[in-house]
């Protein structure tokens, strides 16, 4: 089981219900393929640094999870097929990135 983090940007024309449905769909996809969700964050609507598909903003989401490596390819194929996704990035976390992510989550909990 490897530790991964995926950030994706959803199309800004989606309604709140469509966004929640999309996030739930891909969370369920990961869990059904043996993933253990560590963290899930909704960063909200953010302005993009440059236009993507003629859009100037997008809804950002972050998933942090552990899963066997072969599942990542299937996840990214699903992302490519879904027109609601504008961009995505999946990275494998090493021990330093995992500890940094834990510290970041603790800071977020203290602010809340």
N, C-alpha and C. Protein backbone atom coordinates (compact mmCIF):
# COMPACT_ATOMS: atom_id res chain seq x y z
N UNK A 1 0.84 -1.19 0.00
CA UNK A 1 0.00 0.00 0.00
C UNK A 1 0.88 1.24 0.00
N UNK A 2 0.71 2.06 -1.00
CA UNK A 2 1.45 3.32 -1.12
C UNK A 2 0.56 4.47 -0.68
N UNK A 3 1.18 5.54 -0.26
CA UNK A 3 0.47 6.72 0.20
C UNK A 3 0.44 7.74 -0.94
N UNK A 4 -0.76 8.20 -1.31
CA UNK A 4 -0.92 9.13 -2.42
C UNK A 4 -1.73 10.34 -2.02
N UNK A 5 -1.56 11.39 -2.82
CA UNK A 5 -2.36 12.60 -2.67
C UNK A 5 -2.80 13.01 -4.07
N UNK A 6 -4.09 13.26 -4.24
CA UNK A 6 -4.63 13.69 -5.52
C UNK A 6 -5.35 15.01 -5.35
N UNK A 7 -4.96 15.99 -6.15
CA UNK A 7 -5.66 17.27 -6.19
C UNK A 7 -6.32 17.34 -7.56
N UNK A 8 -7.60 17.72 -7.57
CA UNK A 8 -8.27 17.86 -8.86
C UNK A 8 -9.12 19.12 -8.88
N UNK A 9 -9.31 19.65 -10.09
CA UNK A 9 -10.08 20.87 -10.30
C UNK A 9 -11.32 20.50 -11.11
N UNK A 10 -12.48 20.83 -10.55
CA UNK A 10 -13.75 20.57 -11.22
C UNK A 10 -14.24 21.83 -11.92
N UNK A 11 -15.00 21.63 -12.98
CA UNK A 11 -15.56 22.72 -13.78
C UNK A 11 -16.40 23.67 -12.91
N UNK A 12 -16.23 24.98 -13.04
CA UNK A 12 -16.94 25.93 -12.18
C UNK A 12 -18.43 26.08 -12.49
N UNK A 13 -18.91 25.53 -13.59
CA UNK A 13 -20.33 25.67 -13.92
C UNK A 13 -21.19 24.61 -13.23
N UNK A 14 -20.57 23.69 -12.50
CA UNK A 14 -21.31 22.64 -11.81
C UNK A 14 -22.03 23.19 -10.58
N UNK A 15 -23.19 22.61 -10.28
CA UNK A 15 -23.92 23.00 -9.08
C UNK A 15 -23.29 22.31 -7.86
N UNK A 16 -23.68 22.74 -6.67
CA UNK A 16 -23.16 22.13 -5.44
C UNK A 16 -23.48 20.64 -5.39
N UNK A 17 -24.69 20.27 -5.81
CA UNK A 17 -25.08 18.86 -5.80
C UNK A 17 -24.23 18.05 -6.77
N UNK A 18 -23.95 18.60 -7.95
CA UNK A 18 -23.13 17.89 -8.93
C UNK A 18 -21.70 17.72 -8.42
N UNK A 19 -21.19 18.72 -7.73
CA UNK A 19 -19.84 18.64 -7.18
C UNK A 19 -19.78 17.56 -6.11
N UNK A 20 -20.74 17.58 -5.19
CA UNK A 20 -20.78 16.57 -4.12
C UNK A 20 -20.91 15.17 -4.70
N UNK A 21 -21.75 15.03 -5.72
CA UNK A 21 -21.94 13.73 -6.37
C UNK A 21 -20.64 13.24 -7.02
N UNK A 22 -19.93 14.14 -7.69
CA UNK A 22 -18.68 13.78 -8.36
C UNK A 22 -17.62 13.36 -7.34
N UNK A 23 -17.47 14.15 -6.28
CA UNK A 23 -16.48 13.83 -5.25
C UNK A 23 -16.81 12.49 -4.60
N UNK A 24 -18.08 12.27 -4.30
CA UNK A 24 -18.52 11.00 -3.68
C UNK A 24 -18.25 9.83 -4.62
N UNK A 25 -18.51 10.02 -5.91
CA UNK A 25 -18.31 8.95 -6.89
C UNK A 25 -16.86 8.48 -6.89
N UNK A 26 -15.92 9.42 -6.88
CA UNK A 26 -14.51 9.04 -6.96
C UNK A 26 -13.96 8.58 -5.62
N UNK A 27 -14.54 9.07 -4.53
CA UNK A 27 -14.17 8.53 -3.22
C UNK A 27 -14.63 7.07 -3.13
N UNK A 28 -15.85 6.80 -3.57
CA UNK A 28 -16.37 5.42 -3.58
C UNK A 28 -15.55 4.53 -4.51
N UNK A 29 -15.12 5.08 -5.64
CA UNK A 29 -14.28 4.33 -6.58
C UNK A 29 -12.99 3.88 -5.89
N UNK A 30 -12.35 4.80 -5.17
CA UNK A 30 -11.11 4.46 -4.48
C UNK A 30 -11.35 3.42 -3.38
N UNK A 31 -12.37 3.64 -2.58
CA UNK A 31 -12.66 2.72 -1.47
C UNK A 31 -13.00 1.33 -1.99
N UNK A 32 -13.76 1.26 -3.07
CA UNK A 32 -14.14 -0.05 -3.64
C UNK A 32 -12.92 -0.77 -4.23
N UNK A 33 -11.87 -0.03 -4.54
CA UNK A 33 -10.64 -0.64 -5.05
C UNK A 33 -9.59 -0.84 -3.96
N UNK A 34 -10.01 -0.79 -2.71
CA UNK A 34 -9.11 -1.12 -1.61
C UNK A 34 -8.40 0.05 -0.97
N UNK A 35 -8.81 1.27 -1.27
CA UNK A 35 -8.13 2.44 -0.70
C UNK A 35 -8.63 2.71 0.72
N UNK A 36 -7.74 3.27 1.52
CA UNK A 36 -8.12 3.75 2.85
C UNK A 36 -7.95 5.27 2.81
N UNK A 37 -9.07 5.99 2.92
CA UNK A 37 -9.02 7.45 2.86
C UNK A 37 -8.40 7.99 4.15
N UNK A 38 -7.36 8.81 4.00
CA UNK A 38 -6.71 9.43 5.15
C UNK A 38 -7.33 10.80 5.39
N UNK A 39 -7.51 11.56 4.31
CA UNK A 39 -8.03 12.92 4.44
C UNK A 39 -8.74 13.30 3.15
N UNK A 40 -9.73 14.18 3.31
CA UNK A 40 -10.47 14.69 2.16
C UNK A 40 -10.75 16.16 2.44
N UNK A 41 -10.36 17.03 1.52
CA UNK A 41 -10.54 18.47 1.73
C UNK A 41 -11.20 19.11 0.53
N UNK A 42 -12.09 20.05 0.82
CA UNK A 42 -12.74 20.86 -0.20
C UNK A 42 -12.16 22.26 -0.08
N UNK A 43 -11.38 22.68 -1.07
CA UNK A 43 -10.75 24.00 -1.01
C UNK A 43 -11.63 25.08 -1.61
N UNK A 44 -12.73 24.69 -2.22
CA UNK A 44 -13.68 25.65 -2.75
C UNK A 44 -13.32 26.20 -4.12
N UNK A 45 -14.03 27.25 -4.51
CA UNK A 45 -13.85 27.89 -5.80
C UNK A 45 -12.64 28.81 -5.74
N UNK A 46 -11.68 28.58 -6.61
CA UNK A 46 -10.46 29.40 -6.63
C UNK A 46 -10.20 29.89 -8.05
N UNK A 47 -9.58 31.05 -8.12
CA UNK A 47 -9.20 31.62 -9.41
C UNK A 47 -7.98 30.86 -9.92
N UNK A 48 -7.97 30.57 -11.22
CA UNK A 48 -6.86 29.85 -11.84
C UNK A 48 -5.76 30.83 -12.24
N UNK A 49 -4.53 30.35 -12.28
CA UNK A 49 -3.40 31.19 -12.69
C UNK A 49 -3.48 31.50 -14.18
N UNK A 50 -4.06 30.61 -14.96
CA UNK A 50 -4.24 30.81 -16.39
C UNK A 50 -5.53 30.09 -16.80
N UNK A 51 -6.17 30.53 -17.86
CA UNK A 51 -7.43 29.90 -18.27
C UNK A 51 -7.23 28.44 -18.69
N UNK A 52 -8.16 27.60 -18.26
CA UNK A 52 -8.21 26.20 -18.67
C UNK A 52 -9.59 25.98 -19.26
N UNK A 53 -9.64 25.51 -20.50
CA UNK A 53 -10.91 25.30 -21.22
C UNK A 53 -11.75 26.59 -21.19
N UNK A 54 -11.11 27.73 -21.36
CA UNK A 54 -11.73 29.05 -21.35
C UNK A 54 -12.42 29.38 -20.02
N UNK A 55 -12.02 28.74 -18.94
CA UNK A 55 -12.56 29.01 -17.61
C UNK A 55 -11.48 29.69 -16.78
N UNK A 56 -11.89 30.64 -15.95
CA UNK A 56 -10.92 31.37 -15.14
C UNK A 56 -10.91 30.93 -13.67
N UNK A 57 -11.80 29.99 -13.31
CA UNK A 57 -11.85 29.49 -11.93
C UNK A 57 -12.26 28.02 -11.94
N UNK A 58 -12.15 27.38 -10.78
CA UNK A 58 -12.52 25.98 -10.67
C UNK A 58 -12.65 25.58 -9.21
N UNK A 59 -13.35 24.49 -8.97
CA UNK A 59 -13.52 23.95 -7.62
C UNK A 59 -12.41 22.95 -7.33
N UNK A 60 -11.61 23.25 -6.31
CA UNK A 60 -10.47 22.42 -5.95
C UNK A 60 -10.85 21.42 -4.86
N UNK A 61 -10.34 20.20 -4.98
CA UNK A 61 -10.53 19.16 -3.97
C UNK A 61 -9.23 18.40 -3.80
N UNK A 62 -9.02 17.88 -2.59
CA UNK A 62 -7.81 17.10 -2.27
C UNK A 62 -8.23 15.79 -1.62
N UNK A 63 -7.68 14.68 -2.11
CA UNK A 63 -7.83 13.38 -1.48
C UNK A 63 -6.45 12.93 -1.04
N UNK A 64 -6.34 12.42 0.17
CA UNK A 64 -5.12 11.77 0.63
C UNK A 64 -5.52 10.37 1.05
N UNK A 65 -4.81 9.35 0.55
CA UNK A 65 -5.24 7.97 0.74
C UNK A 65 -4.07 7.01 0.57
N UNK A 66 -4.28 5.79 1.05
CA UNK A 66 -3.33 4.70 0.80
C UNK A 66 -4.05 3.67 -0.07
N UNK A 67 -3.34 3.18 -1.07
CA UNK A 67 -3.93 2.25 -2.03
C UNK A 67 -2.81 1.52 -2.76
N UNK A 68 -3.06 0.29 -3.27
CA UNK A 68 -2.06 -0.36 -4.12
C UNK A 68 -1.81 0.48 -5.39
N UNK A 69 -0.59 0.49 -5.86
CA UNK A 69 -0.19 1.34 -6.97
C UNK A 69 -0.95 1.15 -8.26
N UNK A 70 -1.40 -0.07 -8.55
CA UNK A 70 -2.06 -0.33 -9.84
C UNK A 70 -3.43 0.34 -9.94
N UNK A 71 -4.00 0.77 -8.84
CA UNK A 71 -5.31 1.42 -8.84
C UNK A 71 -5.21 2.85 -9.40
N UNK A 72 -4.06 3.48 -9.24
CA UNK A 72 -3.88 4.88 -9.67
C UNK A 72 -4.12 5.03 -11.16
N UNK A 73 -3.62 4.11 -11.96
CA UNK A 73 -3.83 4.18 -13.40
C UNK A 73 -5.31 4.15 -13.75
N UNK A 74 -6.06 3.25 -13.09
CA UNK A 74 -7.51 3.17 -13.34
C UNK A 74 -8.21 4.45 -12.92
N UNK A 75 -7.80 5.03 -11.81
CA UNK A 75 -8.39 6.29 -11.33
C UNK A 75 -8.16 7.40 -12.35
N UNK A 76 -6.95 7.52 -12.86
CA UNK A 76 -6.64 8.59 -13.80
C UNK A 76 -7.34 8.38 -15.15
N UNK A 77 -7.57 7.14 -15.54
CA UNK A 77 -8.34 6.88 -16.76
C UNK A 77 -9.77 7.39 -16.56
N UNK A 78 -10.34 7.14 -15.39
CA UNK A 78 -11.69 7.63 -15.09
C UNK A 78 -11.73 9.16 -15.09
N UNK A 79 -10.68 9.80 -14.55
CA UNK A 79 -10.61 11.26 -14.56
C UNK A 79 -10.62 11.79 -15.99
N UNK A 80 -9.83 11.15 -16.87
CA UNK A 80 -9.75 11.59 -18.27
C UNK A 80 -11.08 11.44 -18.99
N UNK A 81 -11.85 10.43 -18.64
CA UNK A 81 -13.13 10.19 -19.30
C UNK A 81 -14.23 11.14 -18.84
N UNK A 82 -14.07 11.71 -17.66
CA UNK A 82 -15.12 12.54 -17.07
C UNK A 82 -14.90 14.00 -17.46
N UNK A 83 -15.86 14.60 -18.16
CA UNK A 83 -15.71 15.97 -18.64
C UNK A 83 -15.83 17.01 -17.54
N UNK A 84 -16.23 16.61 -16.34
CA UNK A 84 -16.34 17.56 -15.22
C UNK A 84 -14.97 17.95 -14.68
N UNK A 85 -13.94 17.15 -14.97
CA UNK A 85 -12.59 17.42 -14.48
C UNK A 85 -11.84 18.30 -15.47
N UNK A 86 -11.25 19.37 -14.94
CA UNK A 86 -10.44 20.24 -15.78
C UNK A 86 -8.97 19.84 -15.70
N UNK A 87 -8.50 19.55 -14.50
CA UNK A 87 -7.12 19.11 -14.26
C UNK A 87 -7.10 18.20 -13.04
N UNK A 88 -6.06 17.37 -12.96
CA UNK A 88 -5.83 16.54 -11.78
C UNK A 88 -4.34 16.26 -11.67
N UNK A 89 -3.90 15.98 -10.47
CA UNK A 89 -2.50 15.62 -10.25
C UNK A 89 -2.45 14.65 -9.08
N UNK A 90 -1.84 13.50 -9.31
CA UNK A 90 -1.65 12.50 -8.26
C UNK A 90 -0.17 12.36 -8.00
N UNK A 91 0.21 12.45 -6.73
CA UNK A 91 1.62 12.29 -6.36
C UNK A 91 1.73 11.24 -5.26
N UNK A 92 2.84 10.52 -5.29
CA UNK A 92 3.14 9.55 -4.25
C UNK A 92 3.88 10.28 -3.14
N UNK A 93 3.47 10.06 -1.90
CA UNK A 93 4.07 10.77 -0.78
C UNK A 93 5.14 9.92 -0.11
N UNK A 94 6.30 10.54 0.14
CA UNK A 94 7.34 9.86 0.91
C UNK A 94 7.12 10.15 2.40
N UNK A 95 7.99 9.65 3.26
CA UNK A 95 7.78 9.79 4.70
C UNK A 95 7.79 11.25 5.15
N UNK A 96 8.58 12.07 4.49
CA UNK A 96 8.64 13.50 4.86
C UNK A 96 7.35 14.22 4.46
N UNK A 97 6.83 13.90 3.29
CA UNK A 97 5.58 14.52 2.83
C UNK A 97 4.41 14.07 3.69
N UNK A 98 4.43 12.81 4.12
CA UNK A 98 3.35 12.30 4.98
C UNK A 98 3.35 13.04 6.31
N UNK A 99 4.52 13.23 6.90
CA UNK A 99 4.59 13.94 8.19
C UNK A 99 4.20 15.41 8.01
N UNK A 100 4.59 16.02 6.89
CA UNK A 100 4.19 17.41 6.63
C UNK A 100 2.67 17.52 6.49
N UNK A 101 2.05 16.56 5.79
CA UNK A 101 0.60 16.57 5.61
C UNK A 101 -0.11 16.40 6.95
N UNK A 102 0.44 15.56 7.83
CA UNK A 102 -0.16 15.39 9.16
C UNK A 102 -0.09 16.69 9.96
N UNK A 103 1.06 17.35 9.93
CA UNK A 103 1.21 18.64 10.64
C UNK A 103 0.24 19.68 10.07
N UNK A 104 0.07 19.71 8.76
CA UNK A 104 -0.84 20.65 8.12
C UNK A 104 -2.28 20.40 8.54
N UNK A 105 -2.67 19.13 8.61
CA UNK A 105 -4.02 18.78 9.06
C UNK A 105 -4.25 19.20 10.51
N UNK A 106 -3.23 19.02 11.36
CA UNK A 106 -3.36 19.44 12.77
C UNK A 106 -3.54 20.95 12.88
N UNK A 107 -2.81 21.71 12.07
CA UNK A 107 -2.97 23.16 12.08
C UNK A 107 -4.38 23.56 11.65
N UNK A 108 -4.91 22.88 10.62
CA UNK A 108 -6.26 23.18 10.15
C UNK A 108 -7.29 22.87 11.24
N UNK A 109 -7.09 21.79 11.99
CA UNK A 109 -8.02 21.45 13.07
C UNK A 109 -7.97 22.50 14.17
N UNK A 110 -6.79 23.02 14.47
CA UNK A 110 -6.66 24.04 15.51
C UNK A 110 -7.34 25.34 15.11
N UNK A 111 -7.29 25.69 13.81
CA UNK A 111 -7.94 26.92 13.34
C UNK A 111 -9.45 26.81 13.38
N UNK A 112 -9.95 25.60 13.15
CA UNK A 112 -11.42 25.40 13.09
C UNK A 112 -12.10 25.44 14.44
